[in-house]
């Protein structure tokens, strides 16, 4: 922990530069950056606070499943919802109410944490998925605050990184009082890093309970008119090294079936310039979302270089290539495209969701492709409506059937009640 503290002390020196860069790029405002340092205008009320943290939009969507059940189960508590990025913060603000507070999470600096914890005084900390902050966890543990992880995910890559420093890992992960793992592989990795096995529960992935709702967006009909969904491939959340392959796959597919369209949504919009050059080099005409452009009949592709609009893109494409699976980053969630009824193609590298993809492949709910030729062939097969419909049905069976939302959330509530004295007394009285 001493080495980590030293690294964070050095990182503190970069705060002024980081502030200016994030301000210039629109990733923060003065207010949101101040909140990261523990300075915020809002404060807790008189009720004890349960702190719920979700890093970004995807985790925020999962967290939203817990808000109403928690408000009903713990009427004597307020909920504090924190997120790590500005886009998620804007979304989370829609949850705010009399007993729900929303804030930007503090950075893992001791001074920021002290200010934040003094202001909010949480009695329980619940984190979605895989956000690990060593100093935050140590500060909470010293204050006697129970640390709970829900829908906890640990990829092979993250596990390997933590395992290189086993003493540090055991110290950090040993603070976790309850860990609701989303799959058996994650459960084993959390245990190996220091979470006591009796503290680990298996309730499956909560993402299977998220409803897929087509956005009420004015651009939806306009884009659909020139990009027919059944002839459109969404390339979702690409990383560097994938765009070239997928653009070539698109070129091959169009050579066989003219008139196909592609929506290309990079994981990091800052890469839009380099992707635009790749599209130009391939001789493709395209519109760019961040410039306020909508695609026209003459466009082959749409560069969807914005954040927080994935529901719109899933609604516009009958087939999705889930990226992050052609390069060693672990892949991205298959639950969202499957929920929107988009057929799934993916590469071979999906360690972040290995059990989900294994089920998809076993049920024939997805197609694995490893190069441009295979991706083009897979997409071409899914242009057949019957083939596509069968795969979508199989994907929904693999990912969404067999779960009981009320039971899963009820188990989380029952377990964390043991860490909330006032709630435990109420339950005993009932």
Protein backbone atom coordinates (compact mmCIF):
# COMPACT_ATOMS: atom_id res chain seq x y z
CA UNK A 1 0.00 0.00 0.00
CA UNK A 2 2.95 2.33 0.68
CA UNK A 3 4.04 2.15 -2.97
CA UNK A 4 0.51 2.90 -4.16
CA UNK A 5 0.31 5.89 -1.81
CA UNK A 6 3.57 7.15 -3.29
CA UNK A 7 2.23 6.81 -6.83
CA UNK A 8 -0.93 8.71 -5.90
CA UNK A 9 1.19 11.44 -4.30
CA UNK A 10 3.06 11.83 -7.60
CA UNK A 11 -0.25 11.78 -9.49
CA UNK A 12 -1.41 14.71 -7.35
CA UNK A 13 1.25 16.86 -9.03
CA UNK A 14 -0.47 16.30 -12.37
CA UNK A 15 -3.88 17.54 -11.17
CA UNK A 16 -3.58 21.10 -12.58
CA UNK A 17 -2.58 19.83 -16.04
CA UNK A 18 -5.27 17.13 -15.95
CA UNK A 19 -7.87 19.75 -15.04
CA UNK A 20 -6.98 21.96 -18.01
CA UNK A 21 -6.93 19.03 -20.45
CA UNK A 22 -10.25 17.61 -19.27
CA UNK A 23 -11.83 21.06 -19.33
CA UNK A 24 -10.60 21.64 -22.90
CA UNK A 25 -11.89 18.25 -24.07
CA UNK A 26 -15.28 18.67 -22.41
CA UNK A 27 -14.75 15.73 -20.07
CA UNK A 28 -15.21 17.92 -17.01
CA UNK A 29 -16.51 21.30 -15.94
CA UNK A 30 -14.98 23.27 -13.11
CA UNK A 31 -17.77 21.93 -10.86
CA UNK A 32 -17.37 18.27 -11.79
CA UNK A 33 -13.58 18.40 -11.43
CA UNK A 34 -13.92 20.07 -8.03
CA UNK A 35 -16.26 17.23 -7.05
CA UNK A 36 -13.53 14.72 -7.96
CA UNK A 37 -11.36 16.43 -5.36
CA UNK A 38 -14.05 16.16 -2.70
CA UNK A 39 -15.45 19.67 -3.05
CA UNK A 40 -19.19 19.62 -3.70
CA UNK A 41 -22.13 21.81 -2.84
CA UNK A 42 -24.56 19.03 -1.93
CA UNK A 43 -24.54 17.36 1.46
CA UNK A 44 -26.25 14.47 3.20
CA UNK A 45 -29.52 14.92 5.03
CA UNK A 46 -30.38 13.52 8.44
CA UNK A 47 -30.84 9.90 7.30
CA UNK A 48 -27.91 7.46 7.05
CA UNK A 49 -26.53 7.09 3.53
CA UNK A 50 -25.99 3.98 1.37
CA UNK A 51 -23.33 4.79 -1.22
CA UNK A 52 -23.88 3.21 -4.66
CA UNK A 53 -21.08 3.60 -7.23
CA UNK A 54 -21.19 2.91 -10.97
CA UNK A 55 -18.25 3.92 -13.14
CA UNK A 56 -19.88 4.70 -16.48
CA UNK A 57 -23.12 4.53 -18.45
CA UNK A 58 -23.20 0.73 -18.75
CA UNK A 59 -22.81 0.20 -15.02
CA UNK A 60 -25.23 3.06 -14.38
CA UNK A 61 -27.90 1.24 -16.39
CA UNK A 62 -27.44 -1.85 -14.22
CA UNK A 63 -27.41 0.17 -11.01
CA UNK A 64 -30.75 1.73 -11.92
CA UNK A 65 -32.35 -1.70 -11.36
CA UNK A 66 -31.55 -1.39 -7.65
CA UNK A 67 -32.76 2.14 -6.90
CA UNK A 68 -36.49 1.56 -6.37
CA UNK A 69 -36.08 -1.78 -4.51
CA UNK A 70 -33.51 -0.18 -2.19
CA UNK A 71 -35.72 2.84 -1.48
CA UNK A 72 -38.57 0.50 -0.58
CA UNK A 73 -36.42 -1.92 1.45
CA UNK A 74 -34.54 0.77 3.39
CA UNK A 75 -37.01 3.62 4.06
CA UNK A 76 -34.81 4.98 6.84
CA UNK A 77 -31.86 5.53 4.48
CA UNK A 78 -30.91 7.88 1.67
CA UNK A 79 -29.06 6.69 -1.43
CA UNK A 80 -25.98 8.40 -2.79
CA UNK A 81 -25.28 7.49 -6.43
CA UNK A 82 -21.79 8.33 -7.73
CA UNK A 83 -20.27 7.88 -11.16
CA UNK A 84 -16.83 8.42 -12.67
CA UNK A 85 -17.53 10.27 -15.92
CA UNK A 86 -19.53 13.28 -17.00
CA UNK A 87 -21.83 11.44 -19.43
CA UNK A 88 -22.87 8.97 -16.74
CA UNK A 89 -23.32 11.90 -14.35
CA UNK A 90 -25.81 13.55 -16.69
CA UNK A 91 -27.74 10.28 -16.94
CA UNK A 92 -27.62 9.67 -13.19
CA UNK A 93 -29.03 13.10 -12.44
CA UNK A 94 -32.36 11.83 -13.73
CA UNK A 95 -32.50 9.53 -10.69
CA UNK A 96 -32.14 12.34 -8.16
CA UNK A 97 -34.98 12.89 -5.73
CA UNK A 98 -35.78 13.56 -2.10
CA UNK A 99 -33.89 10.46 -0.95
CA UNK A 100 -31.56 9.96 -3.92
CA UNK A 101 -28.47 12.15 -4.22
CA UNK A 102 -26.15 12.14 -7.23
CA UNK A 103 -22.47 13.13 -7.29
CA UNK A 104 -19.16 12.61 -9.08
CA UNK A 105 -17.03 10.07 -7.23
CA UNK A 106 -13.85 11.30 -5.53
CA UNK A 107 -10.45 10.48 -6.95
CA UNK A 108 -8.34 8.06 -4.94
CA UNK A 109 -6.46 10.81 -3.10
CA UNK A 110 -6.52 10.81 0.74
CA UNK A 111 -7.56 14.47 0.99
CA UNK A 112 -10.39 14.07 -1.55
CA UNK A 113 -11.63 10.96 0.22
CA UNK A 114 -11.56 12.65 3.64
CA UNK A 115 -13.66 15.55 2.39
CA UNK A 116 -16.09 13.26 0.60
CA UNK A 117 -16.57 10.84 3.49
CA UNK A 118 -16.91 13.64 6.02
CA UNK A 119 -19.66 15.18 3.91
CA UNK A 120 -21.65 12.02 3.19
CA UNK A 121 -20.83 9.67 6.10
CA UNK A 122 -21.96 6.48 4.26
CA UNK A 123 -22.91 3.46 6.32
CA UNK A 124 -22.45 1.02 3.42
CA UNK A 125 -20.59 1.15 0.10
CA UNK A 126 -21.85 -0.80 -2.91
CA UNK A 127 -19.85 -0.86 -6.14
CA UNK A 128 -20.99 -2.19 -9.51
CA UNK A 129 -18.76 -4.56 -11.49
CA UNK A 130 -15.01 -3.98 -11.32
CA UNK A 131 -14.02 -0.53 -10.06
CA UNK A 132 -11.27 -1.01 -7.44
CA UNK A 133 -9.84 1.97 -5.52
CA UNK A 134 -7.35 0.84 -2.84
CA UNK A 135 -7.30 4.04 -0.75
CA UNK A 136 -11.08 4.39 -0.91
CA UNK A 137 -11.51 0.83 0.30
CA UNK A 138 -8.98 1.28 3.09
CA UNK A 139 -10.61 4.53 4.23
CA UNK A 140 -14.06 2.92 4.29
CA UNK A 141 -12.81 -0.14 6.17
CA UNK A 142 -11.14 2.05 8.82
CA UNK A 143 -14.47 3.77 9.37
CA UNK A 144 -16.25 0.43 9.76
CA UNK A 145 -18.19 0.85 6.51
CA UNK A 146 -19.08 -2.47 4.86
CA UNK A 147 -17.83 -2.77 1.27
CA UNK A 148 -20.05 -4.74 -1.12
CA UNK A 149 -19.51 -5.54 -4.81
CA UNK A 150 -22.54 -6.34 -6.97
CA UNK A 151 -22.46 -7.85 -10.47
CA UNK A 152 -18.76 -8.15 -9.75
CA UNK A 153 -16.57 -8.91 -12.75
CA UNK A 154 -12.90 -9.82 -12.84
CA UNK A 155 -11.34 -10.54 -16.23
CA UNK A 156 -8.33 -12.78 -16.72
CA UNK A 157 -6.28 -9.71 -17.70
CA UNK A 158 -7.21 -7.75 -14.55
CA UNK A 159 -6.64 -10.80 -12.37
CA UNK A 160 -3.16 -11.30 -13.84
CA UNK A 161 -2.27 -7.65 -13.17
CA UNK A 162 -3.38 -7.84 -9.53
CA UNK A 163 -1.78 -11.25 -9.03
CA UNK A 164 1.65 -9.80 -9.77
CA UNK A 165 1.46 -8.12 -6.35
CA UNK A 166 -0.29 -10.74 -4.19
CA UNK A 167 0.29 -9.07 -0.79
CA UNK A 168 -1.11 -5.78 -2.02
CA UNK A 169 -4.05 -7.57 -3.67
CA UNK A 170 -4.94 -9.51 -0.51
CA UNK A 171 -4.85 -6.30 1.51
CA UNK A 172 -7.15 -4.50 -0.92
CA UNK A 173 -9.61 -7.30 -1.74
CA UNK A 174 -9.68 -8.51 1.83
CA UNK A 175 -11.73 -5.42 2.67
CA UNK A 176 -14.69 -6.71 0.61
CA UNK A 177 -17.41 -7.98 2.94
CA UNK A 178 -19.74 -9.34 0.24
CA UNK A 179 -19.07 -10.05 -3.43
CA UNK A 180 -21.99 -10.93 -5.72
CA UNK A 181 -20.06 -12.30 -8.70
CA UNK A 182 -21.64 -12.27 -12.14
CA UNK A 183 -20.04 -15.56 -13.19
CA UNK A 184 -18.06 -18.47 -11.75
CA UNK A 185 -14.75 -17.39 -13.33
CA UNK A 186 -15.00 -13.98 -11.66
CA UNK A 187 -15.89 -15.63 -8.35
CA UNK A 188 -12.75 -17.76 -8.49
CA UNK A 189 -10.55 -14.78 -9.37
CA UNK A 190 -11.92 -12.61 -6.56
CA UNK A 191 -11.30 -15.47 -4.13
CA UNK A 192 -7.75 -15.92 -5.41
CA UNK A 193 -7.02 -12.21 -4.88
CA UNK A 194 -8.16 -12.21 -1.28
CA UNK A 195 -11.96 -12.13 -0.94
CA UNK A 196 -12.89 -14.77 1.64
CA UNK A 197 -14.87 -17.54 -0.09
CA UNK A 198 -17.76 -17.44 2.43
CA UNK A 199 -18.28 -13.81 1.39
CA UNK A 200 -18.80 -14.63 -2.30
CA UNK A 201 -22.27 -15.20 -3.74
CA UNK A 202 -23.38 -16.21 -7.24
CA UNK A 203 -26.57 -14.62 -8.56
CA UNK A 204 -25.68 -14.30 -12.24
CA UNK A 205 -25.37 -11.19 -14.35
CA UNK A 206 -27.91 -8.47 -13.53
CA UNK A 207 -27.61 -7.13 -17.09
CA UNK A 208 -30.03 -9.84 -18.17
CA UNK A 209 -32.78 -7.94 -16.34
CA UNK A 210 -32.19 -4.60 -18.08
CA UNK A 211 -35.02 -3.72 -20.44
CA UNK A 212 -33.99 -2.69 -23.94
CA UNK A 213 -35.93 0.44 -24.77
CA UNK A 214 -35.64 2.05 -28.19
CA UNK A 215 -34.83 5.74 -27.64
CA UNK A 216 -37.38 8.37 -28.46
CA UNK A 217 -34.91 10.24 -30.62
CA UNK A 218 -35.74 12.59 -33.52
CA UNK A 219 -32.88 11.13 -35.60
CA UNK A 220 -34.08 7.54 -35.36
CA UNK A 221 -36.60 7.65 -38.24
CA UNK A 222 -34.40 9.88 -40.40
CA UNK A 223 -31.37 7.59 -40.20
CA UNK A 224 -33.49 4.45 -40.59
CA UNK A 225 -34.89 5.85 -43.84
CA UNK A 226 -31.43 5.84 -45.48
CA UNK A 227 -29.80 3.06 -43.43
CA UNK A 228 -32.35 0.18 -43.45
CA UNK A 229 -31.67 -1.88 -40.29
CA UNK A 230 -31.76 -5.24 -42.08
CA UNK A 231 -28.91 -4.06 -44.35
CA UNK A 232 -26.93 -2.20 -41.68
CA UNK A 233 -24.05 -3.53 -39.58
CA UNK A 234 -23.26 -1.80 -36.30
CA UNK A 235 -19.60 -2.05 -35.37
CA UNK A 236 -19.83 -1.41 -31.62
CA UNK A 237 -17.05 -0.04 -29.39
CA UNK A 238 -13.98 -0.56 -31.54
CA UNK A 239 -10.42 -0.29 -30.25
CA UNK A 240 -7.26 0.61 -32.12
CA UNK A 241 -6.28 -2.26 -34.41
CA UNK A 242 -9.87 -3.35 -35.10
CA UNK A 243 -11.17 -0.60 -37.37
CA UNK A 244 -8.99 -1.61 -40.31
CA UNK A 245 -10.24 -5.20 -40.12
CA UNK A 246 -13.88 -4.21 -39.84
CA UNK A 247 -13.74 -1.62 -42.60
CA UNK A 248 -12.19 -4.25 -44.86
CA UNK A 249 -14.93 -6.73 -43.86
CA UNK A 250 -17.52 -4.10 -44.79
CA UNK A 251 -15.82 -3.52 -48.15
CA UNK A 252 -15.83 -7.27 -48.88
CA UNK A 253 -19.49 -7.62 -47.91
CA UNK A 254 -20.52 -4.69 -50.13
CA UNK A 255 -18.62 -6.13 -53.07
CA UNK A 256 -20.85 -9.18 -52.80
CA UNK A 257 -24.06 -7.34 -51.87
CA UNK A 258 -24.12 -3.68 -52.95
CA UNK A 259 -26.09 -1.19 -50.88
CA UNK A 260 -25.04 -2.38 -47.43
CA UNK A 261 -24.45 0.22 -44.73
CA UNK A 262 -22.26 0.45 -41.62
CA UNK A 263 -22.46 2.39 -38.36
CA UNK A 264 -19.01 2.54 -36.77
CA UNK A 265 -19.01 3.49 -33.07
CA UNK A 266 -15.50 3.69 -31.56
CA UNK A 267 -15.07 2.96 -27.87
CA UNK A 268 -13.11 6.20 -27.51
CA UNK A 269 -14.50 9.08 -29.61
CA UNK A 270 -11.12 10.85 -29.47
CA UNK A 271 -9.99 8.33 -32.12
CA UNK A 272 -12.50 9.67 -34.64
CA UNK A 273 -9.86 11.46 -36.70
CA UNK A 274 -7.77 8.36 -37.34
CA UNK A 275 -10.90 6.32 -38.13
CA UNK A 276 -12.09 8.98 -40.58
CA UNK A 277 -8.76 8.65 -42.40
CA UNK A 278 -9.23 4.87 -42.60
CA UNK A 279 -12.72 5.31 -44.06
CA UNK A 280 -11.41 7.83 -46.60
CA UNK A 281 -8.54 5.52 -47.50
CA UNK A 282 -11.04 2.73 -48.18
CA UNK A 283 -12.94 5.01 -50.56
CA UNK A 284 -16.07 5.12 -48.38
CA UNK A 285 -18.37 8.11 -48.11
CA UNK A 286 -19.54 8.81 -44.57
CA UNK A 287 -21.16 11.29 -42.22
CA UNK A 288 -19.76 12.13 -38.77
CA UNK A 289 -22.02 12.28 -35.75
CA UNK A 290 -19.94 14.71 -33.67
CA UNK A 291 -20.18 17.27 -36.49
CA UNK A 292 -23.96 17.21 -36.27
CA UNK A 293 -24.23 15.35 -39.57
CA UNK A 294 -26.82 12.73 -40.43
CA UNK A 295 -26.12 10.16 -43.14
CA UNK A 296 -27.71 10.63 -46.53
CA UNK A 297 -28.55 8.15 -49.30
CA UNK A 298 -25.07 8.66 -50.79
CA UNK A 299 -23.25 7.64 -47.58
CA UNK A 300 -21.82 4.15 -47.05
CA UNK A 301 -21.05 4.59 -43.37
CA UNK A 302 -21.84 6.67 -40.30
CA UNK A 303 -19.01 7.51 -37.89
CA UNK A 304 -20.87 7.49 -34.57
CA UNK A 305 -18.18 9.23 -32.54
CA UNK A 306 -20.27 10.28 -29.54
CA UNK A 307 -20.80 8.87 -26.05
CA UNK A 308 -24.06 7.73 -24.51
CA UNK A 309 -25.98 6.94 -27.71
CA UNK A 310 -25.45 3.18 -28.04
CA UNK A 311 -29.17 2.45 -27.59
CA UNK A 312 -29.80 4.52 -30.72
CA UNK A 313 -27.24 2.58 -32.73
CA UNK A 314 -28.50 -0.83 -31.53
CA UNK A 315 -31.99 0.24 -32.60
CA UNK A 316 -30.73 0.99 -36.10
CA UNK A 317 -28.84 -2.21 -36.92
CA UNK A 318 -30.17 -5.73 -37.37
CA UNK A 319 -26.64 -7.10 -36.94
CA UNK A 320 -23.89 -5.99 -34.55
CA UNK A 321 -20.21 -6.82 -34.46
CA UNK A 322 -19.24 -6.55 -30.78
CA UNK A 323 -15.73 -5.14 -30.82
CA UNK A 324 -12.94 -5.39 -28.29
CA UNK A 325 -12.87 -9.04 -29.33
CA UNK A 326 -10.28 -8.82 -32.12
CA UNK A 327 -7.62 -7.29 -29.86
CA UNK A 328 -6.69 -8.32 -26.31
CA UNK A 329 -8.94 -5.98 -24.33
CA UNK A 330 -11.48 -8.62 -23.26
CA UNK A 331 -14.51 -7.68 -25.34
CA UNK A 332 -17.69 -5.80 -24.53
CA UNK A 333 -21.13 -6.85 -23.37
CA UNK A 334 -23.31 -9.00 -25.63
CA UNK A 335 -26.37 -8.30 -23.46
CA UNK A 336 -27.19 -4.93 -25.02
CA UNK A 337 -27.25 -5.94 -28.70
CA UNK A 338 -29.10 -9.15 -27.81
CA UNK A 339 -31.64 -7.17 -25.83
CA UNK A 340 -32.31 -4.91 -28.81
CA UNK A 341 -32.76 -7.93 -31.08
CA UNK A 342 -29.57 -7.35 -33.05
CA UNK A 343 -27.78 -10.50 -34.26
CA UNK A 344 -24.25 -10.81 -32.86
CA UNK A 345 -20.89 -11.40 -34.53
CA UNK A 346 -17.73 -11.22 -32.40
CA UNK A 347 -14.06 -12.11 -32.38
CA UNK A 348 -12.26 -14.72 -30.24
CA UNK A 349 -11.05 -12.46 -27.39
CA UNK A 350 -13.88 -12.04 -24.88
CA UNK A 351 -12.40 -12.74 -21.44
CA UNK A 352 -14.48 -9.95 -19.84
CA UNK A 353 -17.68 -11.91 -20.58
CA UNK A 354 -16.35 -15.40 -21.22
CA UNK A 355 -19.27 -17.36 -19.76
CA UNK A 356 -21.84 -15.25 -21.60
CA UNK A 357 -20.10 -15.76 -24.94
CA UNK A 358 -19.61 -19.45 -24.23
CA UNK A 359 -23.39 -19.79 -23.76
CA UNK A 360 -24.05 -17.82 -26.91
CA UNK A 361 -21.80 -20.05 -28.99
CA UNK A 362 -23.21 -23.23 -27.44
CA UNK A 363 -26.78 -22.13 -28.23
CA UNK A 364 -25.85 -20.80 -31.70
CA UNK A 365 -26.79 -17.34 -30.52
CA UNK A 366 -23.72 -15.68 -32.02
CA UNK A 367 -21.09 -16.17 -34.70
CA UNK A 368 -17.36 -16.01 -33.98
CA UNK A 369 -15.17 -14.57 -36.74
CA UNK A 370 -11.45 -13.84 -36.61
CA UNK A 371 -10.63 -11.85 -39.75
CA UNK A 372 -12.20 -9.62 -42.39
CA UNK A 373 -13.15 -12.50 -44.67
CA UNK A 374 -14.88 -14.43 -41.89
CA UNK A 375 -16.70 -11.33 -40.61
CA UNK A 376 -17.97 -10.51 -44.11
CA UNK A 377 -19.15 -14.10 -44.59
CA UNK A 378 -20.89 -14.14 -41.19
CA UNK A 379 -22.70 -10.89 -41.93
CA UNK A 380 -23.73 -12.09 -45.36
CA UNK A 381 -25.33 -15.20 -43.82
CA UNK A 382 -27.24 -12.99 -41.37
CA UNK A 383 -28.73 -10.93 -44.19
CA UNK A 384 -31.15 -13.83 -44.54
CA UNK A 385 -34.13 -12.93 -42.29
CA UNK A 386 -34.80 -16.52 -41.17
CA UNK A 387 -31.16 -17.11 -40.23
CA UNK A 388 -30.97 -13.83 -38.38
CA UNK A 389 -34.25 -14.41 -36.54
CA UNK A 390 -33.15 -17.86 -35.39
CA UNK A 391 -29.89 -16.49 -34.05
CA UNK A 392 -31.57 -13.61 -32.22
CA UNK A 393 -34.00 -16.06 -30.60
CA UNK A 394 -31.12 -18.34 -29.57
CA UNK A 395 -29.21 -15.39 -28.10
CA UNK A 396 -32.15 -14.34 -25.98
CA UNK A 397 -32.50 -17.88 -24.72
CA UNK A 398 -28.80 -18.08 -23.86
CA UNK A 399 -28.59 -14.73 -22.08
CA UNK A 400 -32.01 -13.87 -20.67
CA UNK A 401 -33.97 -17.02 -19.87
CA UNK A 402 -33.94 -18.68 -16.48
CA UNK A 403 -33.39 -15.59 -14.35
CA UNK A 404 -35.60 -14.29 -11.55
CA UNK A 405 -35.10 -10.55 -11.16
CA UNK A 406 -37.06 -10.21 -7.90
CA UNK A 407 -35.23 -13.14 -6.34
CA UNK A 408 -31.77 -11.88 -7.35
CA UNK A 409 -32.34 -8.34 -6.08
CA UNK A 410 -34.09 -9.72 -3.00
CA UNK A 411 -30.99 -11.75 -2.15
CA UNK A 412 -28.79 -8.67 -2.42
CA UNK A 413 -31.13 -6.72 -0.14
CA UNK A 414 -31.37 -9.55 2.40
CA UNK A 415 -27.59 -9.96 2.58
CA UNK A 416 -26.69 -6.28 2.96
CA UNK A 417 -29.35 -5.80 5.64
CA UNK A 418 -26.93 -7.50 8.04
CA UNK A 419 -24.61 -4.48 7.68
CA UNK A 420 -27.35 -1.89 8.33
CA UNK A 421 -28.33 -1.97 12.03
CA UNK A 422 -31.47 0.12 11.68
CA UNK A 423 -32.70 -1.94 8.73
CA UNK A 424 -31.91 -5.17 10.56
CA UNK A 425 -33.94 -4.04 13.58
CA UNK A 426 -36.87 -3.14 11.31
CA UNK A 427 -36.71 -6.56 9.65
CA UNK A 428 -36.59 -8.28 13.03
CA UNK A 429 -39.60 -6.29 14.20
CA UNK A 430 -41.54 -7.28 11.11
